Amino acid sequence: MSVVTTSISPVPTHDVCVVIPAFNEEKLIGRCIQSVLDAGLQADQIVVIDDCSSDRTGDVLDRFSGIHVISNP
């Protein structure tokens, strides 16, 4: 009987960036970010684009560490 061996190539890894647009989302942006964190996506980056919010969206975003916020004044 002969033995056949094969090598399995490693699974390629992918960079994952989650981009979240926000405009006056103080009531929901926290839950949105937390759901991304809880989803187990292992995102390399979470970027929130705050598009001229006039509510407390920015204050909510300040509570999260490790996310990138782009503010459109």
PDB file of N, CA and C in Angstrom:
ATOM      1  N   MET A   1       0.851  -1.147   0.000  1.00  0.00           N
ATOM      2  CA  MET A   1       0.000   0.000   0.000  1.00  0.00           C
ATOM      3  C   MET A   1       0.913   1.230   0.000  1.00  0.00           C
ATOM      4  N   SER A   2       0.577   2.210  -0.835  1.00  0.00           N
ATOM      5  CA  SER A   2       1.362   3.435  -0.874  1.00  0.00           C
ATOM      6  C   SER A   2       0.630   4.532  -0.102  1.00  0.00           C
ATOM      7  N   VAL A   3       1.416   5.419   0.451  1.00  0.00           N
ATOM      8  CA  VAL A   3       0.861   6.532   1.222  1.00  0.00           C
ATOM      9  C   VAL A   3       1.044   7.803   0.407  1.00  0.00           C
ATOM     10  N   VAL A   4      -0.037   8.516   0.240  1.00  0.00           N
ATOM     11  CA  VAL A   4       0.006   9.769  -0.494  1.00  0.00           C
ATOM     12  C   VAL A   4      -0.105  10.906   0.512  1.00  0.00           C
ATOM     13  N   THR A   5       0.840  11.805   0.441  1.00  0.00           N
ATOM     14  CA  THR A   5       0.763  12.965   1.328  1.00  0.00           C
ATOM     15  C   THR A   5       0.551  14.220   0.501  1.00  0.00           C
ATOM     16  N   THR A   6      -0.233  15.082   1.020  1.00  0.00           N
ATOM     17  CA  THR A   6      -0.463  16.367   0.361  1.00  0.00           C
ATOM     18  C   THR A   6      -0.240  17.473   1.383  1.00  0.00           C
ATOM     19  N   SER A   7       0.192  18.569   0.882  1.00  0.00           N
ATOM     20  CA  SER A   7       0.339  19.703   1.790  1.00  0.00           C
ATOM     21  C   SER A   7      -0.848  20.634   1.587  1.00  0.00           C
ATOM     22  N   ILE A   8      -1.301  21.163   2.666  1.00  0.00           N
ATOM     23  CA  ILE A   8      -2.431  22.085   2.620  1.00  0.00           C
ATOM     24  C   ILE A   8      -1.865  23.488   2.754  1.00  0.00           C
ATOM     25  N   SER A   9      -2.175  24.298   1.780  1.00  0.00           N
ATOM     26  CA  SER A   9      -1.683  25.669   1.848  1.00  0.00           C
ATOM     27  C   SER A   9      -2.492  26.440   2.884  1.00  0.00           C
ATOM     28  N   PRO A  10      -1.837  27.374   3.555  1.00  0.00           N
ATOM     29  CA  PRO A  10      -2.561  28.132   4.586  1.00  0.00           C
ATOM     30  C   PRO A  10      -3.687  28.963   3.977  1.00  0.00           C
ATOM     31  N   VAL A  11      -4.700  29.164   4.776  1.00  0.00           N
ATOM     32  CA  VAL A  11      -5.834  29.977   4.344  1.00  0.00           C
ATOM     33  C   VAL A  11      -5.363  31.425   4.257  1.00  0.00           C
ATOM     34  N   PRO A  12      -5.622  32.077   3.143  1.00  0.00           N
ATOM     35  CA  PRO A  12      -5.185  33.467   3.038  1.00  0.00           C
ATOM     36  C   PRO A  12      -5.940  34.350   4.023  1.00  0.00           C
ATOM     37  N   THR A  13      -5.249  35.313   4.552  1.00  0.00           N
ATOM     38  CA  THR A  13      -5.891  36.241   5.469  1.00  0.00           C
ATOM     39  C   THR A  13      -6.282  37.501   4.709  1.00  0.00           C
ATOM     40  N   HIS A  14      -7.292  38.146   5.189  1.00  0.00           N
ATOM     41  CA  HIS A  14      -7.791  39.355   4.553  1.00  0.00           C
ATOM     42  C   HIS A  14      -7.853  40.464   5.587  1.00  0.00           C
ATOM     43  N   ASP A  15      -7.537  41.661   5.149  1.00  0.00           N
ATOM     44  CA  ASP A  15      -7.719  42.811   6.015  1.00  0.00           C
ATOM     45  C   ASP A  15      -9.184  43.207   5.958  1.00  0.00           C
ATOM     46  N   VAL A  16      -9.745  43.489   7.117  1.00  0.00           N
ATOM     47  CA  VAL A  16     -11.147  43.876   7.194  1.00  0.00           C
ATOM     48  C   VAL A  16     -11.230  45.265   7.807  1.00  0.00           C
ATOM     49  N   CYS A  17     -11.888  46.162   7.096  1.00  0.00           N
ATOM     50  CA  CYS A  17     -12.136  47.507   7.599  1.00  0.00           C
ATOM     51  C   CYS A  17     -13.641  47.751   7.537  1.00  0.00           C
ATOM     52  N   VAL A  18     -14.209  48.110   8.669  1.00  0.00           N
ATOM     53  CA  VAL A  18     -15.634  48.409   8.732  1.00  0.00           C
ATOM     54  C   VAL A  18     -15.783  49.927   8.735  1.00  0.00           C
ATOM     55  N   VAL A  19     -16.557  50.456   7.792  1.00  0.00           N
ATOM     56  CA  VAL A  19     -16.792  51.892   7.690  1.00  0.00           C
ATOM     57  C   VAL A  19     -18.257  52.162   8.018  1.00  0.00           C
ATOM     58  N   ILE A  20     -18.470  53.066   8.988  1.00  0.00           N
ATOM     59  CA  ILE A  20     -19.823  53.369   9.445  1.00  0.00           C
ATOM     60  C   ILE A  20     -20.080  54.859   9.240  1.00  0.00           C
ATOM     61  N   PRO A  21     -20.993  55.221   8.354  1.00  0.00           N
ATOM     62  CA  PRO A  21     -21.351  56.633   8.216  1.00  0.00           C
ATOM     63  C   PRO A  21     -22.325  57.026   9.333  1.00  0.00           C
ATOM     64  N   ALA A  22     -22.217  58.262   9.797  1.00  0.00           N
ATOM     65  CA  ALA A  22     -23.097  58.693  10.880  1.00  0.00           C
ATOM     66  C   ALA A  22     -23.482  60.162  10.706  1.00  0.00           C
ATOM     67  N   PHE A  23     -24.746  60.445  10.879  1.00  0.00           N
ATOM     68  CA  PHE A  23     -25.250  61.814  10.921  1.00  0.00           C
ATOM     69  C   PHE A  23     -26.336  61.870  11.984  1.00  0.00           C
ATOM     70  N   ASN A  24     -26.068  62.573  13.063  1.00  0.00           N
ATOM     71  CA  ASN A  24     -27.009  62.695  14.182  1.00  0.00           C
ATOM     72  C   ASN A  24     -27.508  61.324  14.644  1.00  0.00           C
ATOM     73  N   GLU A  25     -26.561  60.464  14.999  1.00  0.00           N
ATOM     74  CA  GLU A  25     -26.879  59.085  15.396  1.00  0.00           C
ATOM     75  C   GLU A  25     -26.585  58.801  16.858  1.00  0.00           C
ATOM     76  N   GLU A  26     -26.679  59.815  17.711  1.00  0.00           N
ATOM     77  CA  GLU A  26     -26.310  59.615  19.109  1.00  0.00           C
ATOM     78  C   GLU A  26     -27.080  58.479  19.778  1.00  0.00           C
ATOM     79  N   LYS A  27     -28.288  58.219  19.349  1.00  0.00           N
ATOM     80  CA  LYS A  27     -29.098  57.184  19.985  1.00  0.00           C
ATOM     81  C   LYS A  27     -28.708  55.773  19.552  1.00  0.00           C
ATOM     82  N   LEU A  28     -28.132  55.627  18.350  1.00  0.00           N
ATOM     83  CA  LEU A  28     -27.877  54.283  17.828  1.00  0.00           C
ATOM     84  C   LEU A  28     -26.411  53.966  17.539  1.00  0.00           C
ATOM     85  N   ILE A  29     -25.547  54.958  17.456  1.00  0.00           N
ATOM     86  CA  ILE A  29     -24.178  54.695  17.021  1.00  0.00           C
ATOM     87  C   ILE A  29     -23.426  53.801  18.008  1.00  0.00           C
ATOM     88  N   GLY A  30     -23.696  53.946  19.285  1.00  0.00           N
ATOM     89  CA  GLY A  30     -23.047  53.089  20.279  1.00  0.00           C
ATOM     90  C   GLY A  30     -23.393  51.626  20.086  1.00  0.00           C
ATOM     91  N   ARG A  31     -24.667  51.347  19.872  1.00  0.00           N
ATOM     92  CA  ARG A  31     -25.099  49.958  19.641  1.00  0.00           C
ATOM     93  C   ARG A  31     -24.538  49.423  18.336  1.00  0.00           C
ATOM     94  N   CYS A  32     -24.437  50.291  17.337  1.00  0.00           N
ATOM     95  CA  CYS A  32     -23.894  49.874  16.048  1.00  0.00           C
ATOM     96  C   CYS A  32     -22.434  49.449  16.188  1.00  0.00           C
ATOM     97  N   ILE A  33     -21.642  50.286  16.836  1.00  0.00           N
ATOM     98  CA  ILE A  33     -20.232  49.953  17.022  1.00  0.00           C
ATOM     99  C   ILE A  33     -20.079  48.709  17.882  1.00  0.00           C
ATOM    100  N   GLN A  34     -20.853  48.620  18.949  1.00  0.00           N
ATOM    101  CA  GLN A  34     -20.756  47.453  19.823  1.00  0.00           C
ATOM    102  C   GLN A  34     -21.140  46.174  19.090  1.00  0.00           C
ATOM    103  N   SER A  35     -22.106  46.243  18.185  1.00  0.00           N
ATOM    104  CA  SER A  35     -22.495  45.045  17.436  1.00  0.00           C
ATOM    105  C   SER A  35     -21.374  44.595  16.499  1.00  0.00           C
ATOM    106  N   VAL A  36     -20.627  45.553  15.945  1.00  0.00           N
ATOM    107  CA  VAL A  36     -19.471  45.186  15.114  1.00  0.00           C
ATOM    108  C   VAL A  36     -18.412  44.511  15.977  1.00  0.00           C
ATOM    109  N   LEU A  37     -18.159  45.072  17.151  1.00  0.00           N
ATOM    110  CA  LEU A  37     -17.168  44.482  18.049  1.00  0.00           C
ATOM    111  C   LEU A  37     -17.583  43.089  18.518  1.00  0.00           C
ATOM    112  N   ASP A  38     -18.873  42.899  18.772  1.00  0.00           N
ATOM    113  CA  ASP A  38     -19.381  41.619  19.272  1.00  0.00           C
ATOM    114  C   ASP A  38     -19.523  40.561  18.182  1.00  0.00           C
ATOM    115  N   ALA A  39     -19.510  40.974  16.923  1.00  0.00           N
ATOM    116  CA  ALA A  39     -19.749  40.042  15.818  1.00  0.00           C
ATOM    117  C   ALA A  39     -18.576  39.099  15.572  1.00  0.00           C
ATOM    118  N   GLY A  40     -17.439  39.389  16.148  1.00  0.00           N
ATOM    119  CA  GLY A  40     -16.284  38.516  15.965  1.00  0.00           C
ATOM    120  C   GLY A  40     -15.658  38.626  14.592  1.00  0.00           C
ATOM    121  N   LEU A  41     -15.817  39.757  13.944  1.00  0.00           N
ATOM    122  CA  LEU A  41     -15.254  39.947  12.613  1.00  0.00           C
ATOM    123  C   LEU A  41     -13.741  40.078  12.628  1.00  0.00           C
ATOM    124  N   GLN A  42     -13.180  40.374  13.776  1.00  0.00           N
ATOM    125  CA  GLN A  42     -11.750  40.644  13.896  1.00  0.00           C
ATOM    126  C   GLN A  42     -11.339  41.723  12.899  1.00  0.00           C
ATOM    127  N   ALA A  43     -12.094  42.792  12.902  1.00  0.00           N
ATOM    128  CA  ALA A  43     -11.828  43.897  11.987  1.00  0.00           C
ATOM    129  C   ALA A  43     -10.495  44.542  12.337  1.00  0.00           C
ATOM    130  N   ASP A  44      -9.712  44.816  11.313  1.00  0.00           N
ATOM    131  CA  ASP A  44      -8.441  45.500  11.516  1.00  0.00           C
ATOM    132  C   ASP A  44      -8.673  46.968  11.870  1.00  0.00           C
ATOM    133  N   GLN A  45      -9.740  47.531  11.344  1.00  0.00           N
ATOM    134  CA  GLN A  45     -10.083  48.918  11.612  1.00  0.00           C
ATOM    135  C   GLN A  45     -11.594  49.084  11.647  1.00  0.00           C
ATOM    136  N   ILE A  46     -12.029  49.959  12.520  1.00  0.00           N
ATOM    137  CA  ILE A  46     -13.414  50.430  12.492  1.00  0.00           C
ATOM    138  C   ILE A  46     -13.321  51.940  12.306  1.00  0.00           C
ATOM    139  N   VAL A  47     -13.890  52.432  11.221  1.00  0.00           N
ATOM    140  CA  VAL A  47     -13.836  53.847  10.894  1.00  0.00           C
ATOM    141  C   VAL A  47     -15.259  54.385  10.905  1.00  0.00           C
ATOM    142  N   VAL A  48     -15.479  55.447  11.672  1.00  0.00           N
ATOM    143  CA  VAL A  48     -16.780  56.108  11.702  1.00  0.00           C
ATOM    144  C   VAL A  48     -16.608  57.479  11.062  1.00  0.00           C
ATOM    145  N   ILE A  49     -17.448  57.769  10.096  1.00  0.00           N
ATOM    146  CA  ILE A  49     -17.420  59.071   9.437  1.00  0.00           C
ATOM    147  C   ILE A  49     -18.596  59.874   9.980  1.00  0.00           C
ATOM    148  N   ASP A  50     -18.267  60.863  10.808  1.00  0.00           N
ATOM    149  CA  ASP A  50     -19.285  61.715  11.421  1.00  0.00           C
ATOM    150  C   ASP A  50     -19.511  62.899  10.478  1.00  0.00           C
ATOM    151  N   ASP A  51     -20.646  62.895   9.808  1.00  0.00           N
ATOM    152  CA  ASP A  51     -20.930  63.879   8.761  1.00  0.00           C
ATOM    153  C   ASP A  51     -21.708  65.070   9.306  1.00  0.00           C
ATOM    154  N   CYS A  52     -21.017  65.962   9.992  1.00  0.00           N
ATOM    155  CA  CYS A  52     -21.594  67.218  10.487  1.00  0.00           C
ATOM    156  C   CYS A  52     -22.716  67.018  11.503  1.00  0.00           C
ATOM    157  N   SER A  53     -22.604  66.025  12.356  1.00  0.00           N
ATOM    158  CA  SER A  53     -23.646  65.809  13.357  1.00  0.00           C
ATOM    159  C   SER A  53     -23.762  67.008  14.280  1.00  0.00           C
ATOM    160  N   SER A  54     -24.996  67.374  14.612  1.00  0.00           N
ATOM    161  CA  SER A  54     -25.227  68.488  15.529  1.00  0.00           C
ATOM    162  C   SER A  54     -25.734  67.998  16.887  1.00  0.00           C
ATOM    163  N   ASP A  55     -25.834  66.699  17.049  1.00  0.00           N
ATOM    164  CA  ASP A  55     -26.255  66.141  18.330  1.00  0.00           C
ATOM    165  C   ASP A  55     -25.006  65.654  19.087  1.00  0.00           C
ATOM    166  N   ARG A  56     -25.149  64.687  19.955  1.00  0.00           N
ATOM    167  CA  ARG A  56     -24.035  64.199  20.775  1.00  0.00           C
ATOM    168  C   ARG A  56     -23.375  62.951  20.194  1.00  0.00           C
ATOM    169  N   THR A  57     -23.452  62.765  18.896  1.00  0.00           N
ATOM    170  CA  THR A  57     -22.801  61.619  18.254  1.00  0.00           C
ATOM    171  C   THR A  57     -21.318  61.579  18.597  1.00  0.00           C
ATOM    172  N   GLY A  58     -20.644  62.709  18.525  1.00  0.00           N
ATOM    173  CA  GLY A  58     -19.216  62.762  18.833  1.00  0.00           C
ATOM    174  C   GLY A  58     -18.907  62.348  20.256  1.00  0.00           C
ATOM    175  N   ASP A  59     -19.754  62.718  21.204  1.00  0.00           N
ATOM    176  CA  ASP A  59     -19.559  62.324  22.603  1.00  0.00           C
ATOM    177  C   ASP A  59     -19.660  60.813  22.768  1.00  0.00           C
ATOM    178  N   VAL A  60     -20.597  60.211  22.066  1.00  0.00           N
ATOM    179  CA  VAL A  60     -20.744  58.753  22.131  1.00  0.00           C
ATOM    180  C   VAL A  60     -19.512  58.091  21.529  1.00  0.00           C
ATOM    181  N   LEU A  61     -19.036  58.610  20.405  1.00  0.00           N
ATOM    182  CA  LEU A  61     -17.863  58.034  19.757  1.00  0.00           C
ATOM    183  C   LEU A  61     -16.624  58.127  20.641  1.00  0.00           C
ATOM    184  N   ASP A  62     -16.533  59.179  21.441  1.00  0.00           N
ATOM    185  CA  ASP A  62     -15.386  59.352  22.333  1.00  0.00           C
ATOM    186  C   ASP A  62     -15.297  58.255  23.385  1.00  0.00           C
ATOM    187  N   ARG A  63     -16.385  57.565  23.654  1.00  0.00           N
ATOM    188  CA  ARG A  63     -16.398  56.501  24.668  1.00  0.00           C
ATOM    189  C   ARG A  63     -15.724  55.220  24.192  1.00  0.00           C
ATOM    190  N   PHE A  64     -15.501  55.107  22.889  1.00  0.00           N
ATOM    191  CA  PHE A  64     -14.912  53.900  22.324  1.00  0.00           C
ATOM    192  C   PHE A  64     -13.435  54.130  22.027  1.00  0.00           C
ATOM    193  N   SER A  65     -12.609  53.192  22.456  1.00  0.00           N
ATOM    194  CA  SER A  65     -11.190  53.284  22.105  1.00  0.00           C
ATOM    195  C   SER A  65     -10.927  52.344  20.935  1.00  0.00           C
ATOM    196  N   GLY A  66      -9.932  52.686  20.170  1.00  0.00           N
ATOM    197  CA  GLY A  66      -9.535  51.818  19.065  1.00  0.00           C
ATOM    198  C   GLY A  66     -10.317  52.009  17.781  1.00  0.00           C
ATOM    199  N   ILE A  67     -11.217  52.987  17.739  1.00  0.00           N
ATOM    200  CA  ILE A  67     -11.906  53.274  16.484  1.00  0.00           C
ATOM    201  C   ILE A  67     -11.346  54.567  15.907  1.00  0.00           C
ATOM    202  N   HIS A  68     -11.407  54.692  14.623  1.00  0.00           N
ATOM    203  CA  HIS A  68     -10.954  55.905  13.954  1.00  0.00           C
ATOM    204  C   HIS A  68     -12.199  56.727  13.580  1.00  0.00           C
ATOM    205  N   VAL A  69     -12.171  57.993  13.949  1.00  0.00           N
ATOM    206  CA  VAL A  69     -13.298  58.874  13.661  1.00  0.00           C
ATOM    207  C   VAL A  69     -12.820  59.952  12.681  1.00  0.00           C
ATOM    208  N   ILE A  70     -13.546  60.081  11.613  1.00  0.00           N
ATOM    209  CA  ILE A  70     -13.308  61.155  10.641  1.00  0.00           C
ATOM    210  C   ILE A  70     -14.496  62.099  10.765  1.00  0.00           C
ATOM    211  N   SER A  71     -14.208  63.329  11.168  1.00  0.00           N
ATOM    212  CA  SER A  71     -15.276  64.316  11.348  1.00  0.00           C
ATOM    213  C   SER A  71     -15.302  65.273  10.177  1.00  0.00           C
ATOM    214  N   ASN A  72     -16.474  65.420   9.603  1.00  0.00           N
ATOM    215  CA  ASN A  72     -16.675  66.385   8.539  1.00  0.00           C
ATOM    216  C   ASN A  72     -17.282  67.620   9.188  1.00  0.00           C
ATOM    217  N   PRO A  73     -16.508  68.688   9.316  1.00  0.00           N
ATOM    218  CA  PRO A  73     -16.999  69.863  10.063  1.00  0.00           C
ATOM    219  C   PRO A  73     -18.179  70.555   9.418  1.00  0.00           C
TER     220      PRO A  73
END
